[in-house]
Amino acid sequence: MKRLLLAGALAAVFIPTAYAEEGISFGLKAGLLSIENDNDAAINVGGVLSVGFSGSPIGVEGELNTSVSDGSFNRVVDYSVTQVGAFATVSLPAEQSVNVKLRLGAMNTSVDPSVGSSDDDTDLAYGVGGNVGALELSWTRSQFYESDVDFLAIGYNF
């Protein structure tokens, strides 16, 4: 329940900001987050705040996402994940309302297992996404120590 409240709080904070000035947008996303190709991925939701520079394909993004449904390592240890990241982006138009977006930045990943203590790590993150109008499909890879963390999400941009 705390995770759903966090997701609602994100929307309440970021949505008014999205309309504050031209070039700023907000998106909501949900998807599967897996650590090192686990069999039972977590379901994460989050928000992205994007700032584009007028007349330029370059922008910056901030992202926060958190688990609303736990994942499982080998169906033995459940885990939840919260991520906070900052990215430089490049948007490449492919068609009239279709864009491809590349992201490069840093992501802090906090993992809370059902057994043992929680831990966090900040490392390089990168990703690619595609927009058709306001809908976006994205993939982001970050690191949690030596493990790959993949977040495949679908989102809506306001």
C-alpha atoms as a PDB file:
ATOM      1  CA  MET A   1       0.000   0.000   0.000  1.00  0.00           C
ATOM      2  CA  LYS A   2       2.880   2.392   0.783  1.00  0.00           C
ATOM      3  CA  ARG A   3       4.121   1.942  -2.779  1.00  0.00           C
ATOM      4  CA  LEU A   4       0.772   2.923  -4.271  1.00  0.00           C
ATOM      5  CA  LEU A   5       0.703   6.008  -2.060  1.00  0.00           C
ATOM      6  CA  LEU A   6       4.234   6.887  -3.220  1.00  0.00           C
ATOM      7  CA  ALA A   7       3.161   6.568  -6.859  1.00  0.00           C
ATOM      8  CA  GLY A   8       0.169   8.845  -6.173  1.00  0.00           C
ATOM      9  CA  ALA A   9       2.381  11.369  -4.409  1.00  0.00           C
ATOM     10  CA  LEU A  10       4.706  11.402  -7.419  1.00  0.00           C
ATOM     11  CA  ALA A  11       1.812  12.248  -9.700  1.00  0.00           C
ATOM     12  CA  ALA A  12       0.589  14.995  -7.362  1.00  0.00           C
ATOM     13  CA  VAL A  13       4.034  16.604  -7.213  1.00  0.00           C
ATOM     14  CA  PHE A  14       5.076  16.279 -10.847  1.00  0.00           C
ATOM     15  CA  ILE A  15       1.881  16.852 -12.860  1.00  0.00           C
ATOM     16  CA  PRO A  16       1.503  20.546 -11.917  1.00  0.00           C
ATOM     17  CA  THR A  17       5.209  21.052 -12.674  1.00  0.00           C
ATOM     18  CA  ALA A  18       4.725  19.634 -16.167  1.00  0.00           C
ATOM     19  CA  TYR A  19       2.658  22.654 -17.118  1.00  0.00           C
ATOM     20  CA  ALA A  20       4.880  25.266 -15.456  1.00  0.00           C
ATOM     21  CA  GLU A  21       6.803  26.244 -18.598  1.00  0.00           C
ATOM     22  CA  GLU A  22       7.312  25.229 -22.215  1.00  0.00           C
ATOM     23  CA  GLY A  23       9.799  22.406 -22.746  1.00  0.00           C
ATOM     24  CA  ILE A  24       8.932  20.566 -19.504  1.00  0.00           C
ATOM     25  CA  SER A  25       6.884  17.374 -19.618  1.00  0.00           C
ATOM     26  CA  PHE A  26       5.899  14.600 -17.257  1.00  0.00           C
ATOM     27  CA  GLY A  27       5.312  10.936 -17.930  1.00  0.00           C
ATOM     28  CA  LEU A  28       3.986   7.979 -15.975  1.00  0.00           C
ATOM     29  CA  LYS A  29       5.310   4.484 -16.633  1.00  0.00           C
ATOM     30  CA  ALA A  30       4.812   0.927 -15.472  1.00  0.00           C
ATOM     31  CA  GLY A  31       6.664  -2.222 -16.345  1.00  0.00           C
ATOM     32  CA  LEU A  32       8.772  -5.204 -15.410  1.00  0.00           C
ATOM     33  CA  LEU A  33      12.017  -4.769 -13.474  1.00  0.00           C
ATOM     34  CA  SER A  34      14.364  -7.719 -13.263  1.00  0.00           C
ATOM     35  CA  ILE A  35      17.723  -8.186 -11.583  1.00  0.00           C
ATOM     36  CA  GLU A  36      20.174 -10.415 -13.459  1.00  0.00           C
ATOM     37  CA  ASN A  37      17.421 -12.059 -15.558  1.00  0.00           C
ATOM     38  CA  ASP A  38      15.460 -13.427 -12.594  1.00  0.00           C
ATOM     39  CA  ASN A  39      12.462 -15.586 -13.442  1.00  0.00           C
ATOM     40  CA  ASP A  40       9.927 -13.558 -11.475  1.00  0.00           C
ATOM     41  CA  ALA A  41      10.349  -9.820 -12.173  1.00  0.00           C
ATOM     42  CA  ALA A  42       9.035  -7.026  -9.959  1.00  0.00           C
ATOM     43  CA  ILE A  43       6.334  -4.714 -11.296  1.00  0.00           C
ATOM     44  CA  ASN A  44       7.434  -1.097 -10.928  1.00  0.00           C
ATOM     45  CA  VAL A  45       5.620   2.189 -11.509  1.00  0.00           C
ATOM     46  CA  GLY A  46       7.119   5.629 -11.665  1.00  0.00           C
ATOM     47  CA  GLY A  47       7.342   9.077 -13.081  1.00  0.00           C
ATOM     48  CA  VAL A  48       9.706  10.878 -15.417  1.00  0.00           C
ATOM     49  CA  LEU A  49      10.220  14.631 -15.538  1.00  0.00           C
ATOM     50  CA  SER A  50      11.753  15.750 -18.851  1.00  0.00           C
ATOM     51  CA  VAL A  51      13.179  19.098 -19.901  1.00  0.00           C
ATOM     52  CA  GLY A  52      13.823  19.710 -23.590  1.00  0.00           C
ATOM     53  CA  PHE A  53      15.783  22.605 -25.019  1.00  0.00           C
ATOM     54  CA  SER A  54      14.008  24.647 -27.693  1.00  0.00           C
ATOM     55  CA  GLY A  55      15.041  23.676 -31.212  1.00  0.00           C
ATOM     56  CA  SER A  56      17.398  20.948 -29.966  1.00  0.00           C
ATOM     57  CA  PRO A  57      17.063  17.140 -29.767  1.00  0.00           C
ATOM     58  CA  ILE A  58      19.016  17.195 -26.469  1.00  0.00           C
ATOM     59  CA  GLY A  59      17.291  17.123 -23.077  1.00  0.00           C
ATOM     60  CA  VAL A  60      17.562  15.989 -19.483  1.00  0.00           C
ATOM     61  CA  GLU A  61      15.342  13.656 -17.455  1.00  0.00           C
ATOM     62  CA  GLY A  62      14.826  12.720 -13.851  1.00  0.00           C
ATOM     63  CA  GLU A  63      13.164   9.410 -13.022  1.00  0.00           C
ATOM     64  CA  LEU A  64      11.777   7.754  -9.913  1.00  0.00           C
ATOM     65  CA  ASN A  65      10.220   4.286  -9.908  1.00  0.00           C
ATOM     66  CA  THR A  66       9.316   1.800  -7.191  1.00  0.00           C
ATOM     67  CA  SER A  67       7.953  -1.744  -6.924  1.00  0.00           C
ATOM     68  CA  VAL A  68       4.219  -2.262  -6.476  1.00  0.00           C
ATOM     69  CA  SER A  69       4.629  -6.038  -6.750  1.00  0.00           C
ATOM     70  CA  ASP A  70       7.736  -7.844  -5.517  1.00  0.00           C
ATOM     71  CA  GLY A  71      10.069  -9.846  -7.710  1.00  0.00           C
ATOM     72  CA  SER A  72      11.715 -13.081  -6.639  1.00  0.00           C
ATOM     73  CA  PHE A  73      15.254 -14.453  -6.836  1.00  0.00           C
ATOM     74  CA  ASN A  74      14.926 -18.085  -7.922  1.00  0.00           C
ATOM     75  CA  ARG A  75      11.451 -18.101  -6.339  1.00  0.00           C
ATOM     76  CA  VAL A  76      13.099 -18.154  -2.888  1.00  0.00           C
ATOM     77  CA  VAL A  77      13.803 -14.554  -1.813  1.00  0.00           C
ATOM     78  CA  ASP A  78      11.316 -11.800  -2.665  1.00  0.00           C
ATOM     79  CA  TYR A  79      12.585  -8.275  -3.317  1.00  0.00           C
ATOM     80  CA  SER A  80      11.344  -4.783  -4.040  1.00  0.00           C
ATOM     81  CA  VAL A  81      13.314  -2.085  -5.853  1.00  0.00           C
ATOM     82  CA  THR A  82      13.253   1.709  -5.838  1.00  0.00           C
ATOM     83  CA  GLN A  83      15.297   3.662  -8.391  1.00  0.00           C
ATOM     84  CA  VAL A  84      16.144   7.354  -8.722  1.00  0.00           C
ATOM     85  CA  GLY A  85      18.051   8.489 -11.811  1.00  0.00           C
ATOM     86  CA  ALA A  86      19.207  11.444 -13.873  1.00  0.00           C
ATOM     87  CA  PHE A  87      19.823  11.220 -17.625  1.00  0.00           C
ATOM     88  CA  ALA A  88      20.956  13.199 -20.624  1.00  0.00           C
ATOM     89  CA  THR A  89      18.709  12.377 -23.598  1.00  0.00           C
ATOM     90  CA  VAL A  90      18.756  12.664 -27.368  1.00  0.00           C
ATOM     91  CA  SER A  91      15.453  12.421 -29.281  1.00  0.00           C
ATOM     92  CA  LEU A  92      15.629  11.414 -32.919  1.00  0.00           C
ATOM     93  CA  PRO A  93      12.482  11.917 -35.019  1.00  0.00           C
ATOM     94  CA  ALA A  94      11.662   8.867 -37.127  1.00  0.00           C
ATOM     95  CA  GLU A  95       8.248   9.895 -38.509  1.00  0.00           C
ATOM     96  CA  GLN A  96       5.833  12.769 -37.979  1.00  0.00           C
ATOM     97  CA  SER A  97       4.653  11.629 -34.502  1.00  0.00           C
ATOM     98  CA  VAL A  98       7.288   8.915 -33.866  1.00  0.00           C
ATOM     99  CA  ASN A  99      10.544   9.528 -31.972  1.00  0.00           C
ATOM    100  CA  VAL A 100      13.420   7.356 -30.818  1.00  0.00           C
ATOM    101  CA  LYS A 101      15.034   8.448 -27.555  1.00  0.00           C
ATOM    102  CA  LEU A 102      18.485   7.513 -26.238  1.00  0.00           C
ATOM    103  CA  ARG A 103      19.342   7.980 -22.524  1.00  0.00           C
ATOM    104  CA  LEU A 104      22.645   8.014 -20.643  1.00  0.00           C
ATOM    105  CA  GLY A 105      23.078   8.883 -16.984  1.00  0.00           C
ATOM    106  CA  ALA A 106      23.300   7.584 -13.441  1.00  0.00           C
ATOM    107  CA  MET A 107      20.804   5.542 -11.428  1.00  0.00           C
ATOM    108  CA  ASN A 108      20.622   4.838  -7.713  1.00  0.00           C
ATOM    109  CA  THR A 109      19.093   1.400  -7.172  1.00  0.00           C
ATOM    110  CA  SER A 110      17.849   0.399  -3.723  1.00  0.00           C
ATOM    111  CA  VAL A 111      16.976  -3.286  -3.238  1.00  0.00           C
ATOM    112  CA  ASP A 112      14.958  -4.462  -0.232  1.00  0.00           C
ATOM    113  CA  PRO A 113      14.992  -8.285   0.017  1.00  0.00           C
ATOM    114  CA  SER A 114      12.550 -10.264   2.181  1.00  0.00           C
ATOM    115  CA  VAL A 115      15.582 -11.882   3.869  1.00  0.00           C
ATOM    116  CA  GLY A 116      18.553  -9.826   5.037  1.00  0.00           C
ATOM    117  CA  SER A 117      19.069  -6.084   4.951  1.00  0.00           C
ATOM    118  CA  SER A 118      18.373  -3.594   2.176  1.00  0.00           C
ATOM    119  CA  ASP A 119      21.214  -2.079   0.173  1.00  0.00           C
ATOM    120  CA  ASP A 120      21.677   0.537  -2.539  1.00  0.00           C
ATOM    121  CA  ASP A 121      24.204   1.318  -5.260  1.00  0.00           C
ATOM    122  CA  THR A 122      24.642   4.171  -7.744  1.00  0.00           C
ATOM    123  CA  ASP A 123      26.105   3.417 -11.164  1.00  0.00           C
ATOM    124  CA  LEU A 124      25.936   4.143 -14.881  1.00  0.00           C
ATOM    125  CA  ALA A 125      22.555   3.677 -16.574  1.00  0.00           C
ATOM    126  CA  TYR A 126      21.537   3.780 -20.218  1.00  0.00           C
ATOM    127  CA  GLY A 127      18.485   3.064 -22.289  1.00  0.00           C
ATOM    128  CA  VAL A 128      16.463   3.450 -25.434  1.00  0.00           C
ATOM    129  CA  GLY A 129      12.819   4.225 -26.013  1.00  0.00           C
ATOM    130  CA  GLY A 130      10.331   4.951 -28.717  1.00  0.00           C
ATOM    131  CA  ASN A 131       7.344   7.295 -28.731  1.00  0.00           C
ATOM    132  CA  VAL A 132       4.229   7.132 -30.865  1.00  0.00           C
ATOM    133  CA  GLY A 133       2.391  10.300 -29.947  1.00  0.00           C
ATOM    134  CA  ALA A 134       2.104  10.339 -26.151  1.00  0.00           C
ATOM    135  CA  LEU A 135       2.709   6.574 -25.714  1.00  0.00           C
ATOM    136  CA  GLU A 136       6.239   5.411 -24.996  1.00  0.00           C
ATOM    137  CA  LEU A 137       7.935   2.021 -24.790  1.00  0.00           C
ATOM    138  CA  SER A 138      11.311   2.117 -23.038  1.00  0.00           C
ATOM    139  CA  TRP A 139      14.114  -0.094 -21.760  1.00  0.00           C
ATOM    140  CA  THR A 140      16.677   1.059 -19.214  1.00  0.00           C
ATOM    141  CA  ARG A 141      19.649  -0.908 -17.900  1.00  0.00           C
ATOM    142  CA  SER A 142      21.441   0.019 -14.695  1.00  0.00           C
ATOM    143  CA  GLN A 143      23.777  -1.807 -12.353  1.00  0.00           C
ATOM    144  CA  PHE A 144      23.345  -3.042  -8.799  1.00  0.00           C
ATOM    145  CA  TYR A 145      26.916  -3.871  -7.867  1.00  0.00           C
ATOM    146  CA  GLU A 146      27.820  -6.549 -10.457  1.00  0.00           C
ATOM    147  CA  SER A 147      24.217  -7.404 -11.441  1.00  0.00           C
ATOM    148  CA  ASP A 148      22.311  -5.991 -14.423  1.00  0.00           C
ATOM    149  CA  VAL A 149      18.981  -4.343 -13.597  1.00  0.00           C
ATOM    150  CA  ASP A 150      16.585  -4.104 -16.561  1.00  0.00           C
ATOM    151  CA  PHE A 151      13.395  -2.026 -16.567  1.00  0.00           C
ATOM    152  CA  LEU A 152      11.084  -2.559 -19.555  1.00  0.00           C
ATOM    153  CA  ALA A 153       8.174  -0.138 -19.339  1.00  0.00           C
ATOM    154  CA  ILE A 154       5.258   1.365 -21.188  1.00  0.00           C
ATOM    155  CA  GLY A 155       4.355   4.923 -20.392  1.00  0.00           C
ATOM    156  CA  TYR A 156       2.212   7.933 -21.197  1.00  0.00           C
ATOM    157  CA  ASN A 157       3.693  11.428 -21.562  1.00  0.00           C
ATOM    158  CA  PHE A 158       1.657  14.510 -20.698  1.00  0.00           C
END
